[in-house]
PDB file of N, CA and C in Angstrom:
ATOM      1  N   MET A   1      11.217 -15.854 -39.061  1.00  0.00           N
ATOM      2  CA  MET A   1      10.788 -14.878 -38.796  1.00  0.00           C
ATOM      3  C   MET A   1       9.537 -14.225 -38.129  1.00  0.00           C
ATOM      4  N   ALA A   2       9.660 -13.813 -37.080  1.00  0.00           N
ATOM      5  CA  ALA A   2       8.750 -13.460 -36.461  1.00  0.00           C
ATOM      6  C   ALA A   2       7.615 -12.544 -36.939  1.00  0.00           C
ATOM      7  N   HIS A   3       6.182 -12.608 -36.993  1.00  0.00           N
ATOM      8  CA  HIS A   3       5.202 -11.848 -37.362  1.00  0.00           C
ATOM      9  C   HIS A   3       5.045 -10.613 -36.365  1.00  0.00           C
ATOM     10  N   VAL A   4       5.398  -9.182 -37.295  1.00  0.00           N
ATOM     11  CA  VAL A   4       4.773  -8.419 -36.194  1.00  0.00           C
ATOM     12  C   VAL A   4       3.456  -7.985 -36.211  1.00  0.00           C
ATOM     13  N   GLN A   5       2.731  -7.821 -35.376  1.00  0.00           N
ATOM     14  CA  GLN A   5       1.323  -7.257 -35.556  1.00  0.00           C
ATOM     15  C   GLN A   5       0.916  -5.740 -35.114  1.00  0.00           C
ATOM     16  N   TYR A   6       0.503  -5.183 -35.996  1.00  0.00           N
ATOM     17  CA  TYR A   6       0.686  -3.687 -35.686  1.00  0.00           C
ATOM     18  C   TYR A   6      -0.865  -3.344 -35.890  1.00  0.00           C
ATOM     19  N   LYS A   7      -1.324  -3.290 -34.718  1.00  0.00           N
ATOM     20  CA  LYS A   7      -2.779  -2.747 -34.540  1.00  0.00           C
ATOM     21  C   LYS A   7      -3.291  -1.409 -34.318  1.00  0.00           C
ATOM     22  N   GLY A   8      -4.419  -1.071 -34.640  1.00  0.00           N
ATOM     23  CA  GLY A   8      -5.335  -0.140 -34.513  1.00  0.00           C
ATOM     24  C   GLY A   8      -4.834   0.753 -33.463  1.00  0.00           C
ATOM     25  N   SER A   9      -4.779   0.332 -32.295  1.00  0.00           N
ATOM     26  CA  SER A   9      -4.722   0.734 -30.975  1.00  0.00           C
ATOM     27  C   SER A   9      -3.243   1.952 -30.958  1.00  0.00           C
ATOM     28  N   ASP A  10      -2.201   0.907 -31.691  1.00  0.00           N
ATOM     29  CA  ASP A  10      -0.692   1.233 -31.515  1.00  0.00           C
ATOM     30  C   ASP A  10      -1.050   2.523 -32.802  1.00  0.00           C
ATOM     31  N   ALA A  11      -1.633   2.442 -33.757  1.00  0.00           N
ATOM     32  CA  ALA A  11      -1.671   3.713 -34.544  1.00  0.00           C
ATOM     33  C   ALA A  11      -2.218   5.322 -34.089  1.00  0.00           C
ATOM     34  N   ILE A  12      -3.323   4.515 -33.342  1.00  0.00           N
ATOM     35  CA  ILE A  12      -3.974   5.963 -32.438  1.00  0.00           C
ATOM     36  C   ILE A  12      -3.201   6.462 -31.515  1.00  0.00           C
ATOM     37  N   LYS A  13      -2.353   5.528 -30.729  1.00  0.00           N
ATOM     38  CA  LYS A  13      -1.284   6.238 -30.155  1.00  0.00           C
ATOM     39  C   LYS A  13      -0.186   6.919 -30.518  1.00  0.00           C
ATOM     40  N   GLU A  14       0.552   6.414 -31.443  1.00  0.00           N
ATOM     41  CA  GLU A  14       1.371   6.996 -32.366  1.00  0.00           C
ATOM     42  C   GLU A  14       0.771   8.470 -33.084  1.00  0.00           C
ATOM     43  N   HIS A  15      -0.448   8.356 -33.319  1.00  0.00           N
ATOM     44  CA  HIS A  15      -1.283   9.620 -34.034  1.00  0.00           C
ATOM     45  C   HIS A  15      -1.388  10.470 -32.948  1.00  0.00           C
ATOM     46  N   LEU A  16      -1.656  10.369 -31.891  1.00  0.00           N
ATOM     47  CA  LEU A  16      -2.149  11.375 -30.611  1.00  0.00           C
ATOM     48  C   LEU A  16      -0.619  11.984 -30.413  1.00  0.00           C
ATOM     49  N   LEU A  17       0.617  10.669 -29.926  1.00  0.00           N
ATOM     50  CA  LEU A  17       1.823  11.218 -29.788  1.00  0.00           C
ATOM     51  C   LEU A  17       2.387  12.307 -30.709  1.00  0.00           C
ATOM     52  N   ALA A  18       2.027  12.472 -32.027  1.00  0.00           N
ATOM     53  CA  ALA A  18       2.683  12.990 -32.845  1.00  0.00           C
ATOM     54  C   ALA A  18       2.103  14.441 -32.722  1.00  0.00           C
ATOM     55  N   GLY A  19       1.033  14.688 -31.804  1.00  0.00           N
ATOM     56  CA  GLY A  19       0.482  15.878 -31.799  1.00  0.00           C
ATOM     57  C   GLY A  19      -1.185  16.245 -32.323  1.00  0.00           C
ATOM     58  N   HIS A  20      -1.647  15.308 -32.952  1.00  0.00           N
ATOM     59  CA  HIS A  20      -2.879  15.463 -33.547  1.00  0.00           C
ATOM     60  C   HIS A  20      -3.801  15.153 -33.081  1.00  0.00           C
ATOM     61  N   GLU A  21      -5.275  15.523 -33.492  1.00  0.00           N
ATOM     62  CA  GLU A  21      -6.292  15.184 -32.920  1.00  0.00           C
ATOM     63  C   GLU A  21      -7.110  14.030 -33.000  1.00  0.00           C
ATOM     64  N   ILE A  22      -8.075  13.247 -32.494  1.00  0.00           N
ATOM     65  CA  ILE A  22      -8.673  12.253 -33.073  1.00  0.00           C
ATOM     66  C   ILE A  22     -10.336  12.097 -32.379  1.00  0.00           C
ATOM     67  N   SER A  23     -11.151  11.832 -33.098  1.00  0.00           N
ATOM     68  CA  SER A  23     -12.252  11.472 -32.919  1.00  0.00           C
ATOM     69  C   SER A  23     -12.873  10.336 -32.816  1.00  0.00           C
ATOM     70  N   LEU A  24     -14.014   9.816 -32.381  1.00  0.00           N
ATOM     71  CA  LEU A  24     -14.479   8.535 -32.613  1.00  0.00           C
ATOM     72  C   LEU A  24     -14.682   8.291 -34.138  1.00  0.00           C
ATOM     73  N   MET A  25     -15.246   9.035 -34.783  1.00  0.00           N
ATOM     74  CA  MET A  25     -15.351   8.921 -36.413  1.00  0.00           C
ATOM     75  C   MET A  25     -14.167   8.298 -36.913  1.00  0.00           C
ATOM     76  N   GLU A  26     -12.992   8.903 -36.595  1.00  0.00           N
ATOM     77  CA  GLU A  26     -11.559   8.840 -37.430  1.00  0.00           C
ATOM     78  C   GLU A  26     -11.415   7.726 -36.868  1.00  0.00           C
ATOM     79  N   ALA A  27     -11.165   7.434 -35.364  1.00  0.00           N
ATOM     80  CA  ALA A  27     -10.839   6.224 -35.127  1.00  0.00           C
ATOM     81  C   ALA A  27     -11.110   4.921 -35.554  1.00  0.00           C
ATOM     82  N   MET A  28     -12.897   4.875 -35.753  1.00  0.00           N
ATOM     83  CA  MET A  28     -13.228   3.992 -36.893  1.00  0.00           C
ATOM     84  C   MET A  28     -12.764   3.995 -38.448  1.00  0.00           C
ATOM     85  N   LEU A  29     -12.948   5.247 -38.969  1.00  0.00           N
ATOM     86  CA  LEU A  29     -12.721   5.185 -40.073  1.00  0.00           C
ATOM     87  C   LEU A  29     -11.283   4.607 -40.376  1.00  0.00           C
ATOM     88  N   LEU A  30     -10.257   5.707 -39.936  1.00  0.00           N
ATOM     89  CA  LEU A  30      -9.000   5.756 -40.470  1.00  0.00           C
ATOM     90  C   LEU A  30      -8.142   4.341 -39.877  1.00  0.00           C
ATOM     91  N   PHE A  31      -8.412   4.151 -38.459  1.00  0.00           N
ATOM     92  CA  PHE A  31      -7.635   3.170 -37.743  1.00  0.00           C
ATOM     93  C   PHE A  31      -8.549   1.792 -37.399  1.00  0.00           C
ATOM     94  N   GLY A  32      -9.871   1.883 -37.641  1.00  0.00           N
ATOM     95  CA  GLY A  32     -10.317   0.445 -37.411  1.00  0.00           C
ATOM     96  C   GLY A  32     -10.655   0.111 -35.933  1.00  0.00           C
ATOM     97  N   VAL A  33     -10.323   1.043 -35.090  1.00  0.00           N
ATOM     98  CA  VAL A  33     -10.762   1.053 -33.646  1.00  0.00           C
ATOM     99  C   VAL A  33     -12.368   1.400 -33.277  1.00  0.00           C
ATOM    100  N   GLN A  34     -12.961   0.508 -32.455  1.00  0.00           N
ATOM    101  CA  GLN A  34     -14.515   0.647 -32.504  1.00  0.00           C
ATOM    102  C   GLN A  34     -14.602   1.266 -31.400  1.00  0.00           C
ATOM    103  N   SER A  35     -13.511   1.208 -30.561  1.00  0.00           N
ATOM    104  CA  SER A  35     -14.114   1.581 -28.736  1.00  0.00           C
ATOM    105  C   SER A  35     -12.836   2.594 -28.751  1.00  0.00           C
ATOM    106  N   LEU A  36     -12.859   3.820 -29.128  1.00  0.00           N
ATOM    107  CA  LEU A  36     -11.819   5.231 -28.786  1.00  0.00           C
ATOM    108  C   LEU A  36     -11.615   5.197 -27.346  1.00  0.00           C
ATOM    109  N   ASN A  37     -12.974   5.185 -26.726  1.00  0.00           N
ATOM    110  CA  ASN A  37     -13.127   5.597 -25.432  1.00  0.00           C
ATOM    111  C   ASN A  37     -12.079   4.601 -24.607  1.00  0.00           C
ATOM    112  N   ALA A  38     -12.290   3.249 -24.770  1.00  0.00           N
ATOM    113  CA  ALA A  38     -11.259   2.200 -24.200  1.00  0.00           C
ATOM    114  C   ALA A  38      -9.869   2.586 -24.478  1.00  0.00           C
ATOM    115  N   GLU A  39      -9.597   2.716 -25.978  1.00  0.00           N
ATOM    116  CA  GLU A  39      -8.257   3.332 -25.799  1.00  0.00           C
ATOM    117  C   GLU A  39      -7.701   4.498 -25.272  1.00  0.00           C
ATOM    118  N   LEU A  40      -8.402   5.336 -24.698  1.00  0.00           N
ATOM    119  CA  LEU A  40      -8.362   6.678 -24.077  1.00  0.00           C
ATOM    120  C   LEU A  40      -7.770   6.235 -22.921  1.00  0.00           C
ATOM    121  N   ALA A  41      -8.608   5.293 -22.173  1.00  0.00           N
ATOM    122  CA  ALA A  41      -9.036   4.810 -20.709  1.00  0.00           C
ATOM    123  C   ALA A  41      -7.561   4.303 -20.227  1.00  0.00           C
ATOM    124  N   ARG A  42      -6.970   3.477 -21.630  1.00  0.00           N
ATOM    125  CA  ARG A  42      -5.743   2.741 -21.483  1.00  0.00           C
ATOM    126  C   ARG A  42      -4.124   3.897 -21.455  1.00  0.00           C
ATOM    127  N   LEU A  43      -4.628   4.606 -22.275  1.00  0.00           N
ATOM    128  CA  LEU A  43      -3.368   5.594 -22.231  1.00  0.00           C
ATOM    129  C   LEU A  43      -3.474   6.526 -20.822  1.00  0.00           C
ATOM    130  N   LYS A  44      -4.928   6.696 -20.273  1.00  0.00           N
ATOM    131  CA  LYS A  44      -4.968   7.552 -19.034  1.00  0.00           C
ATOM    132  C   LYS A  44      -4.269   6.608 -18.024  1.00  0.00           C
ATOM    133  N   LYS A  45      -4.559   5.382 -18.258  1.00  0.00           N
ATOM    134  CA  LYS A  45      -4.118   4.362 -16.940  1.00  0.00           C
ATOM    135  C   LYS A  45      -2.635   4.509 -16.888  1.00  0.00           C
ATOM    136  N   VAL A  46      -2.128   4.621 -17.991  1.00  0.00           N
ATOM    137  CA  VAL A  46      -0.536   4.874 -17.756  1.00  0.00           C
ATOM    138  C   VAL A  46       0.329   6.195 -17.827  1.00  0.00           C
ATOM    139  N   GLY A  47      -0.623   7.209 -17.578  1.00  0.00           N
ATOM    140  CA  GLY A  47       0.183   8.550 -17.268  1.00  0.00           C
ATOM    141  C   GLY A  47      -0.579   9.523 -17.993  1.00  0.00           C
ATOM    142  N   PHE A  48      -0.717   9.074 -19.559  1.00  0.00           N
ATOM    143  CA  PHE A  48      -0.706  10.679 -20.285  1.00  0.00           C
ATOM    144  C   PHE A  48      -1.907  11.271 -19.779  1.00  0.00           C
ATOM    145  N   VAL A  49      -2.226  12.586 -20.252  1.00  0.00           N
ATOM    146  CA  VAL A  49      -3.229  13.457 -19.992  1.00  0.00           C
ATOM    147  C   VAL A  49      -4.131  13.849 -21.286  1.00  0.00           C
ATOM    148  N   VAL A  50      -5.164  13.233 -20.970  1.00  0.00           N
ATOM    149  CA  VAL A  50      -6.139  13.171 -22.272  1.00  0.00           C
ATOM    150  C   VAL A  50      -7.168  14.516 -22.311  1.00  0.00           C
ATOM    151  N   GLN A  51      -6.942  15.481 -23.508  1.00  0.00           N
ATOM    152  CA  GLN A  51      -7.941  16.716 -23.235  1.00  0.00           C
ATOM    153  C   GLN A  51      -9.036  16.283 -24.187  1.00  0.00           C
ATOM    154  N   LYS A  52     -10.022  16.998 -24.266  1.00  0.00           N
ATOM    155  CA  LYS A  52     -11.322  16.953 -25.191  1.00  0.00           C
ATOM    156  C   LYS A  52     -12.185  18.256 -25.446  1.00  0.00           C
ATOM    157  N   ARG A  53     -12.555  18.747 -26.274  1.00  0.00           N
ATOM    158  CA  ARG A  53     -13.132  19.671 -26.712  1.00  0.00           C
ATOM    159  C   ARG A  53     -14.222  19.389 -28.059  1.00  0.00           C
ATOM    160  N   ARG A  54     -15.331  19.989 -27.750  1.00  0.00           N
ATOM    161  CA  ARG A  54     -16.387  19.726 -28.773  1.00  0.00           C
ATOM    162  C   ARG A  54     -16.117  20.597 -29.786  1.00  0.00           C
ATOM    163  N   VAL A  55     -16.240  20.218 -31.076  1.00  0.00           N
ATOM    164  CA  VAL A  55     -15.812  20.897 -32.209  1.00  0.00           C
ATOM    165  C   VAL A  55     -17.035  20.491 -32.994  1.00  0.00           C
ATOM    166  N   PRO A  56     -17.352  21.195 -34.585  1.00  0.00           N
ATOM    167  CA  PRO A  56     -18.173  20.887 -35.428  1.00  0.00           C
ATOM    168  C   PRO A  56     -17.923  19.791 -36.229  1.00  0.00           C
ATOM    169  N   MET A  57     -18.842  19.235 -36.698  1.00  0.00           N
ATOM    170  CA  MET A  57     -18.424  17.858 -37.266  1.00  0.00           C
ATOM    171  C   MET A  57     -18.101  18.088 -38.539  1.00  0.00           C
ATOM    172  N   ALA A  58     -17.884  19.572 -39.566  1.00  0.00           N
ATOM    173  CA  ALA A  58     -17.437  19.916 -40.381  1.00  0.00           C
ATOM    174  C   ALA A  58     -16.199  19.924 -40.439  1.00  0.00           C
ATOM    175  N   LYS A  59     -15.325  19.896 -39.146  1.00  0.00           N
ATOM    176  CA  LYS A  59     -13.775  19.915 -38.954  1.00  0.00           C
ATOM    177  C   LYS A  59     -13.552  18.566 -39.003  1.00  0.00           C
ATOM    178  N   VAL A  60     -14.161  17.637 -38.368  1.00  0.00           N
ATOM    179  CA  VAL A  60     -13.729  16.359 -38.212  1.00  0.00           C
ATOM    180  C   VAL A  60     -13.716  15.435 -39.802  1.00  0.00           C
ATOM    181  N   LEU A  61     -14.780  15.823 -40.713  1.00  0.00           N
ATOM    182  CA  LEU A  61     -14.907  15.115 -41.949  1.00  0.00           C
ATOM    183  C   LEU A  61     -13.708  16.135 -42.815  1.00  0.00           C
ATOM    184  N   ARG A  62     -13.438  17.036 -42.548  1.00  0.00           N
ATOM    185  CA  ARG A  62     -12.169  17.924 -43.338  1.00  0.00           C
ATOM    186  C   ARG A  62     -11.222  16.987 -43.078  1.00  0.00           C
ATOM    187  N   ARG A  63     -10.826  16.892 -41.656  1.00  0.00           N
ATOM    188  CA  ARG A  63      -9.682  16.098 -41.347  1.00  0.00           C
ATOM    189  C   ARG A  63      -9.507  14.426 -41.809  1.00  0.00           C
ATOM    190  N   ALA A  64     -10.717  14.006 -42.024  1.00  0.00           N
ATOM    191  CA  ALA A  64     -10.632  12.640 -42.338  1.00  0.00           C
ATOM    192  C   ALA A  64     -10.591  12.530 -43.949  1.00  0.00           C
ATOM    193  N   ASN A  65     -11.173  13.399 -44.482  1.00  0.00           N
ATOM    194  CA  ASN A  65     -11.148  13.486 -46.303  1.00  0.00           C
ATOM    195  C   ASN A  65      -9.734  13.584 -46.746  1.00  0.00           C
ATOM    196  N   GLN A  66      -8.576  14.142 -45.806  1.00  0.00           N
ATOM    197  CA  GLN A  66      -7.440  14.180 -46.298  1.00  0.00           C
ATOM    198  C   GLN A  66      -6.905  12.458 -46.521  1.00  0.00           C
ATOM    199  N   PHE A  67      -7.352  11.887 -45.890  1.00  0.00           N
ATOM    200  CA  PHE A  67      -6.861  10.163 -46.076  1.00  0.00           C
ATOM    201  C   PHE A  67      -7.969   9.379 -46.787  1.00  0.00           C
ATOM    202  N   CYS A  68      -9.130   9.731 -46.605  1.00  0.00           N
ATOM    203  CA  CYS A  68     -10.328   8.807 -47.252  1.00  0.00           C
ATOM    204  C   CYS A  68     -11.475   9.727 -47.886  1.00  0.00           C
ATOM    205  N   GLU A  69     -12.247   9.301 -49.075  1.00  0.00           N
ATOM    206  CA  GLU A  69     -13.552  10.237 -49.086  1.00  0.00           C
ATOM    207  C   GLU A  69     -14.602   9.782 -48.266  1.00  0.00           C
ATOM    208  N   VAL A  70     -15.026  10.874 -47.511  1.00  0.00           N
ATOM    209  CA  VAL A  70     -16.244  10.768 -46.616  1.00  0.00           C
ATOM    210  C   VAL A  70     -17.247  11.984 -46.709  1.00  0.00           C
ATOM    211  N   LYS A  71     -18.239  11.458 -47.591  1.00  0.00           N
ATOM    212  CA  LYS A  71     -19.295  12.405 -47.982  1.00  0.00           C
ATOM    213  C   LYS A  71     -20.748  12.274 -46.605  1.00  0.00           C
ATOM    214  N   ALA A  72     -21.009  13.773 -46.395  1.00  0.00           N
ATOM    215  CA  ALA A  72     -22.414  13.623 -45.219  1.00  0.00           C
ATOM    216  C   ALA A  72     -23.547  13.616 -46.330  1.00  0.00           C
ATOM    217  N   PRO A  73     -24.691  13.624 -46.108  1.00  0.00           N
ATOM    218  CA  PRO A  73     -25.885  13.670 -46.526  1.00  0.00           C
ATOM    219  C   PRO A  73     -25.928  15.127 -46.499  1.00  0.00           C
ATOM    220  N   SER A  74     -26.251  15.617 -48.093  1.00  0.00           N
ATOM    221  CA  SER A  74     -26.510  17.134 -48.012  1.00  0.00           C
ATOM    222  C   SER A  74     -27.653  17.754 -47.047  1.00  0.00           C
ATOM    223  N   ASN A  75     -28.361  17.208 -46.413  1.00  0.00           N
ATOM    224  CA  ASN A  75     -29.350  17.754 -45.554  1.00  0.00           C
ATOM    225  C   ASN A  75     -28.982  17.791 -44.380  1.00  0.00           C
ATOM    226  N   LEU A  76     -27.631  16.947 -43.867  1.00  0.00           N
ATOM    227  CA  LEU A  76     -27.054  16.956 -42.462  1.00  0.00           C
ATOM    228  C   LEU A  76     -26.695  18.476 -42.223  1.00  0.00           C
ATOM    229  N   PRO A  77     -27.022  18.675 -40.894  1.00  0.00           N
ATOM    230  CA  PRO A  77     -26.209  20.365 -40.642  1.00  0.00           C
ATOM    231  C   PRO A  77     -24.823  19.658 -40.002  1.00  0.00           C
ATOM    232  N   ILE A  78     -23.885  19.705 -40.851  1.00  0.00           N
ATOM    233  CA  ILE A  78     -22.522  19.308 -40.189  1.00  0.00           C
ATOM    234  C   ILE A  78     -22.058  20.453 -39.583  1.00  0.00           C
ATOM    235  N   ARG A  79     -22.496  21.687 -39.930  1.00  0.00           N
ATOM    236  CA  ARG A  79     -21.703  22.848 -39.181  1.00  0.00           C
ATOM    237  C   ARG A  79     -22.473  23.057 -37.831  1.00  0.00           C
ATOM    238  N   GLU A  80     -23.763  22.450 -37.539  1.00  0.00           N
ATOM    239  CA  GLU A  80     -24.019  22.508 -36.038  1.00  0.00           C
ATOM    240  C   GLU A  80     -23.868  21.317 -35.318  1.00  0.00           C
ATOM    241  N   ILE A  81     -23.800  20.436 -35.747  1.00  0.00           N
ATOM    242  CA  ILE A  81     -23.789  18.962 -35.231  1.00  0.00           C
ATOM    243  C   ILE A  81     -22.263  19.274 -34.587  1.00  0.00           C
ATOM    244  N   LEU A  82     -22.214  18.849 -32.985  1.00  0.00           N
ATOM    245  CA  LEU A  82     -20.964  19.141 -32.376  1.00  0.00           C
ATOM    246  C   LEU A  82     -20.419  17.454 -32.153  1.00  0.00           C
ATOM    247  N   VAL A  83     -19.059  17.212 -32.143  1.00  0.00           N
ATOM    248  CA  VAL A  83     -18.280  16.097 -31.821  1.00  0.00           C
ATOM    249  C   VAL A  83     -17.523  16.249 -30.742  1.00  0.00           C
ATOM    250  N   THR A  84     -16.811  15.339 -30.576  1.00  0.00           N
ATOM    251  CA  THR A  84     -15.849  15.478 -29.621  1.00  0.00           C
ATOM    252  C   THR A  84     -14.626  15.081 -29.863  1.00  0.00           C
ATOM    253  N   GLU A  85     -13.437  15.946 -30.046  1.00  0.00           N
ATOM    254  CA  GLU A  85     -12.421  15.272 -30.422  1.00  0.00           C
ATOM    255  C   GLU A  85     -10.919  15.175 -28.943  1.00  0.00           C
ATOM    256  N   TYR A  86     -10.512  14.288 -29.234  1.00  0.00           N
ATOM    257  CA  TYR A  86      -9.212  14.417 -28.181  1.00  0.00           C
ATOM    258  C   TYR A  86      -7.798  14.542 -28.749  1.00  0.00           C
ATOM    259  N   TRP A  87      -6.872  14.775 -27.675  1.00  0.00           N
ATOM    260  CA  TRP A  87      -5.586  15.251 -27.866  1.00  0.00           C
ATOM    261  C   TRP A  87      -4.950  14.938 -26.551  1.00  0.00           C
ATOM    262  N   LEU A  88      -3.353  14.455 -26.650  1.00  0.00           N
ATOM    263  CA  LEU A  88      -2.925  14.386 -25.225  1.00  0.00           C
ATOM    264  C   LEU A  88      -2.549  16.058 -25.239  1.00  0.00           C
ATOM    265  N   SER A  89      -2.130  16.051 -24.063  1.00  0.00           N
ATOM    266  CA  SER A  89      -1.648  17.340 -23.216  1.00  0.00           C
ATOM    267  C   SER A  89      -0.504  17.073 -22.965  1.00  0.00           C
ATOM    268  N   ASN A  90       0.128  18.255 -22.689  1.00  0.00           N
ATOM    269  CA  ASN A  90       1.594  18.604 -21.940  1.00  0.00           C
ATOM    270  C   ASN A  90       1.536  18.716 -20.555  1.00  0.00           C
ATOM    271  N   VAL A  91       0.300  19.123 -19.932  1.00  0.00           N
ATOM    272  CA  VAL A  91       0.119  19.646 -18.763  1.00  0.00           C
ATOM    273  C   VAL A  91       0.419  18.434 -17.400  1.00  0.00           C
TER     274      VAL A  91
END
């Protein structure tokens, strides 16, 4: 029987195709992908339209906490720190 290798890059692609957003933090924490930018570049190269926007870190932490426990230091201003999230567009 052949061993099927399922990679983090495959999981990110499926996540994005399902209509979800992703940030660099989520790519590392949830999918084990260290270079989200490289994965997004591969998607662009095959014709996907990747959109991005800056959002408060609190939004990303809230999303990540649905799958794992992530706690920011209490003195970190997570509502003021902006991070970039990406998604695939139908445009």
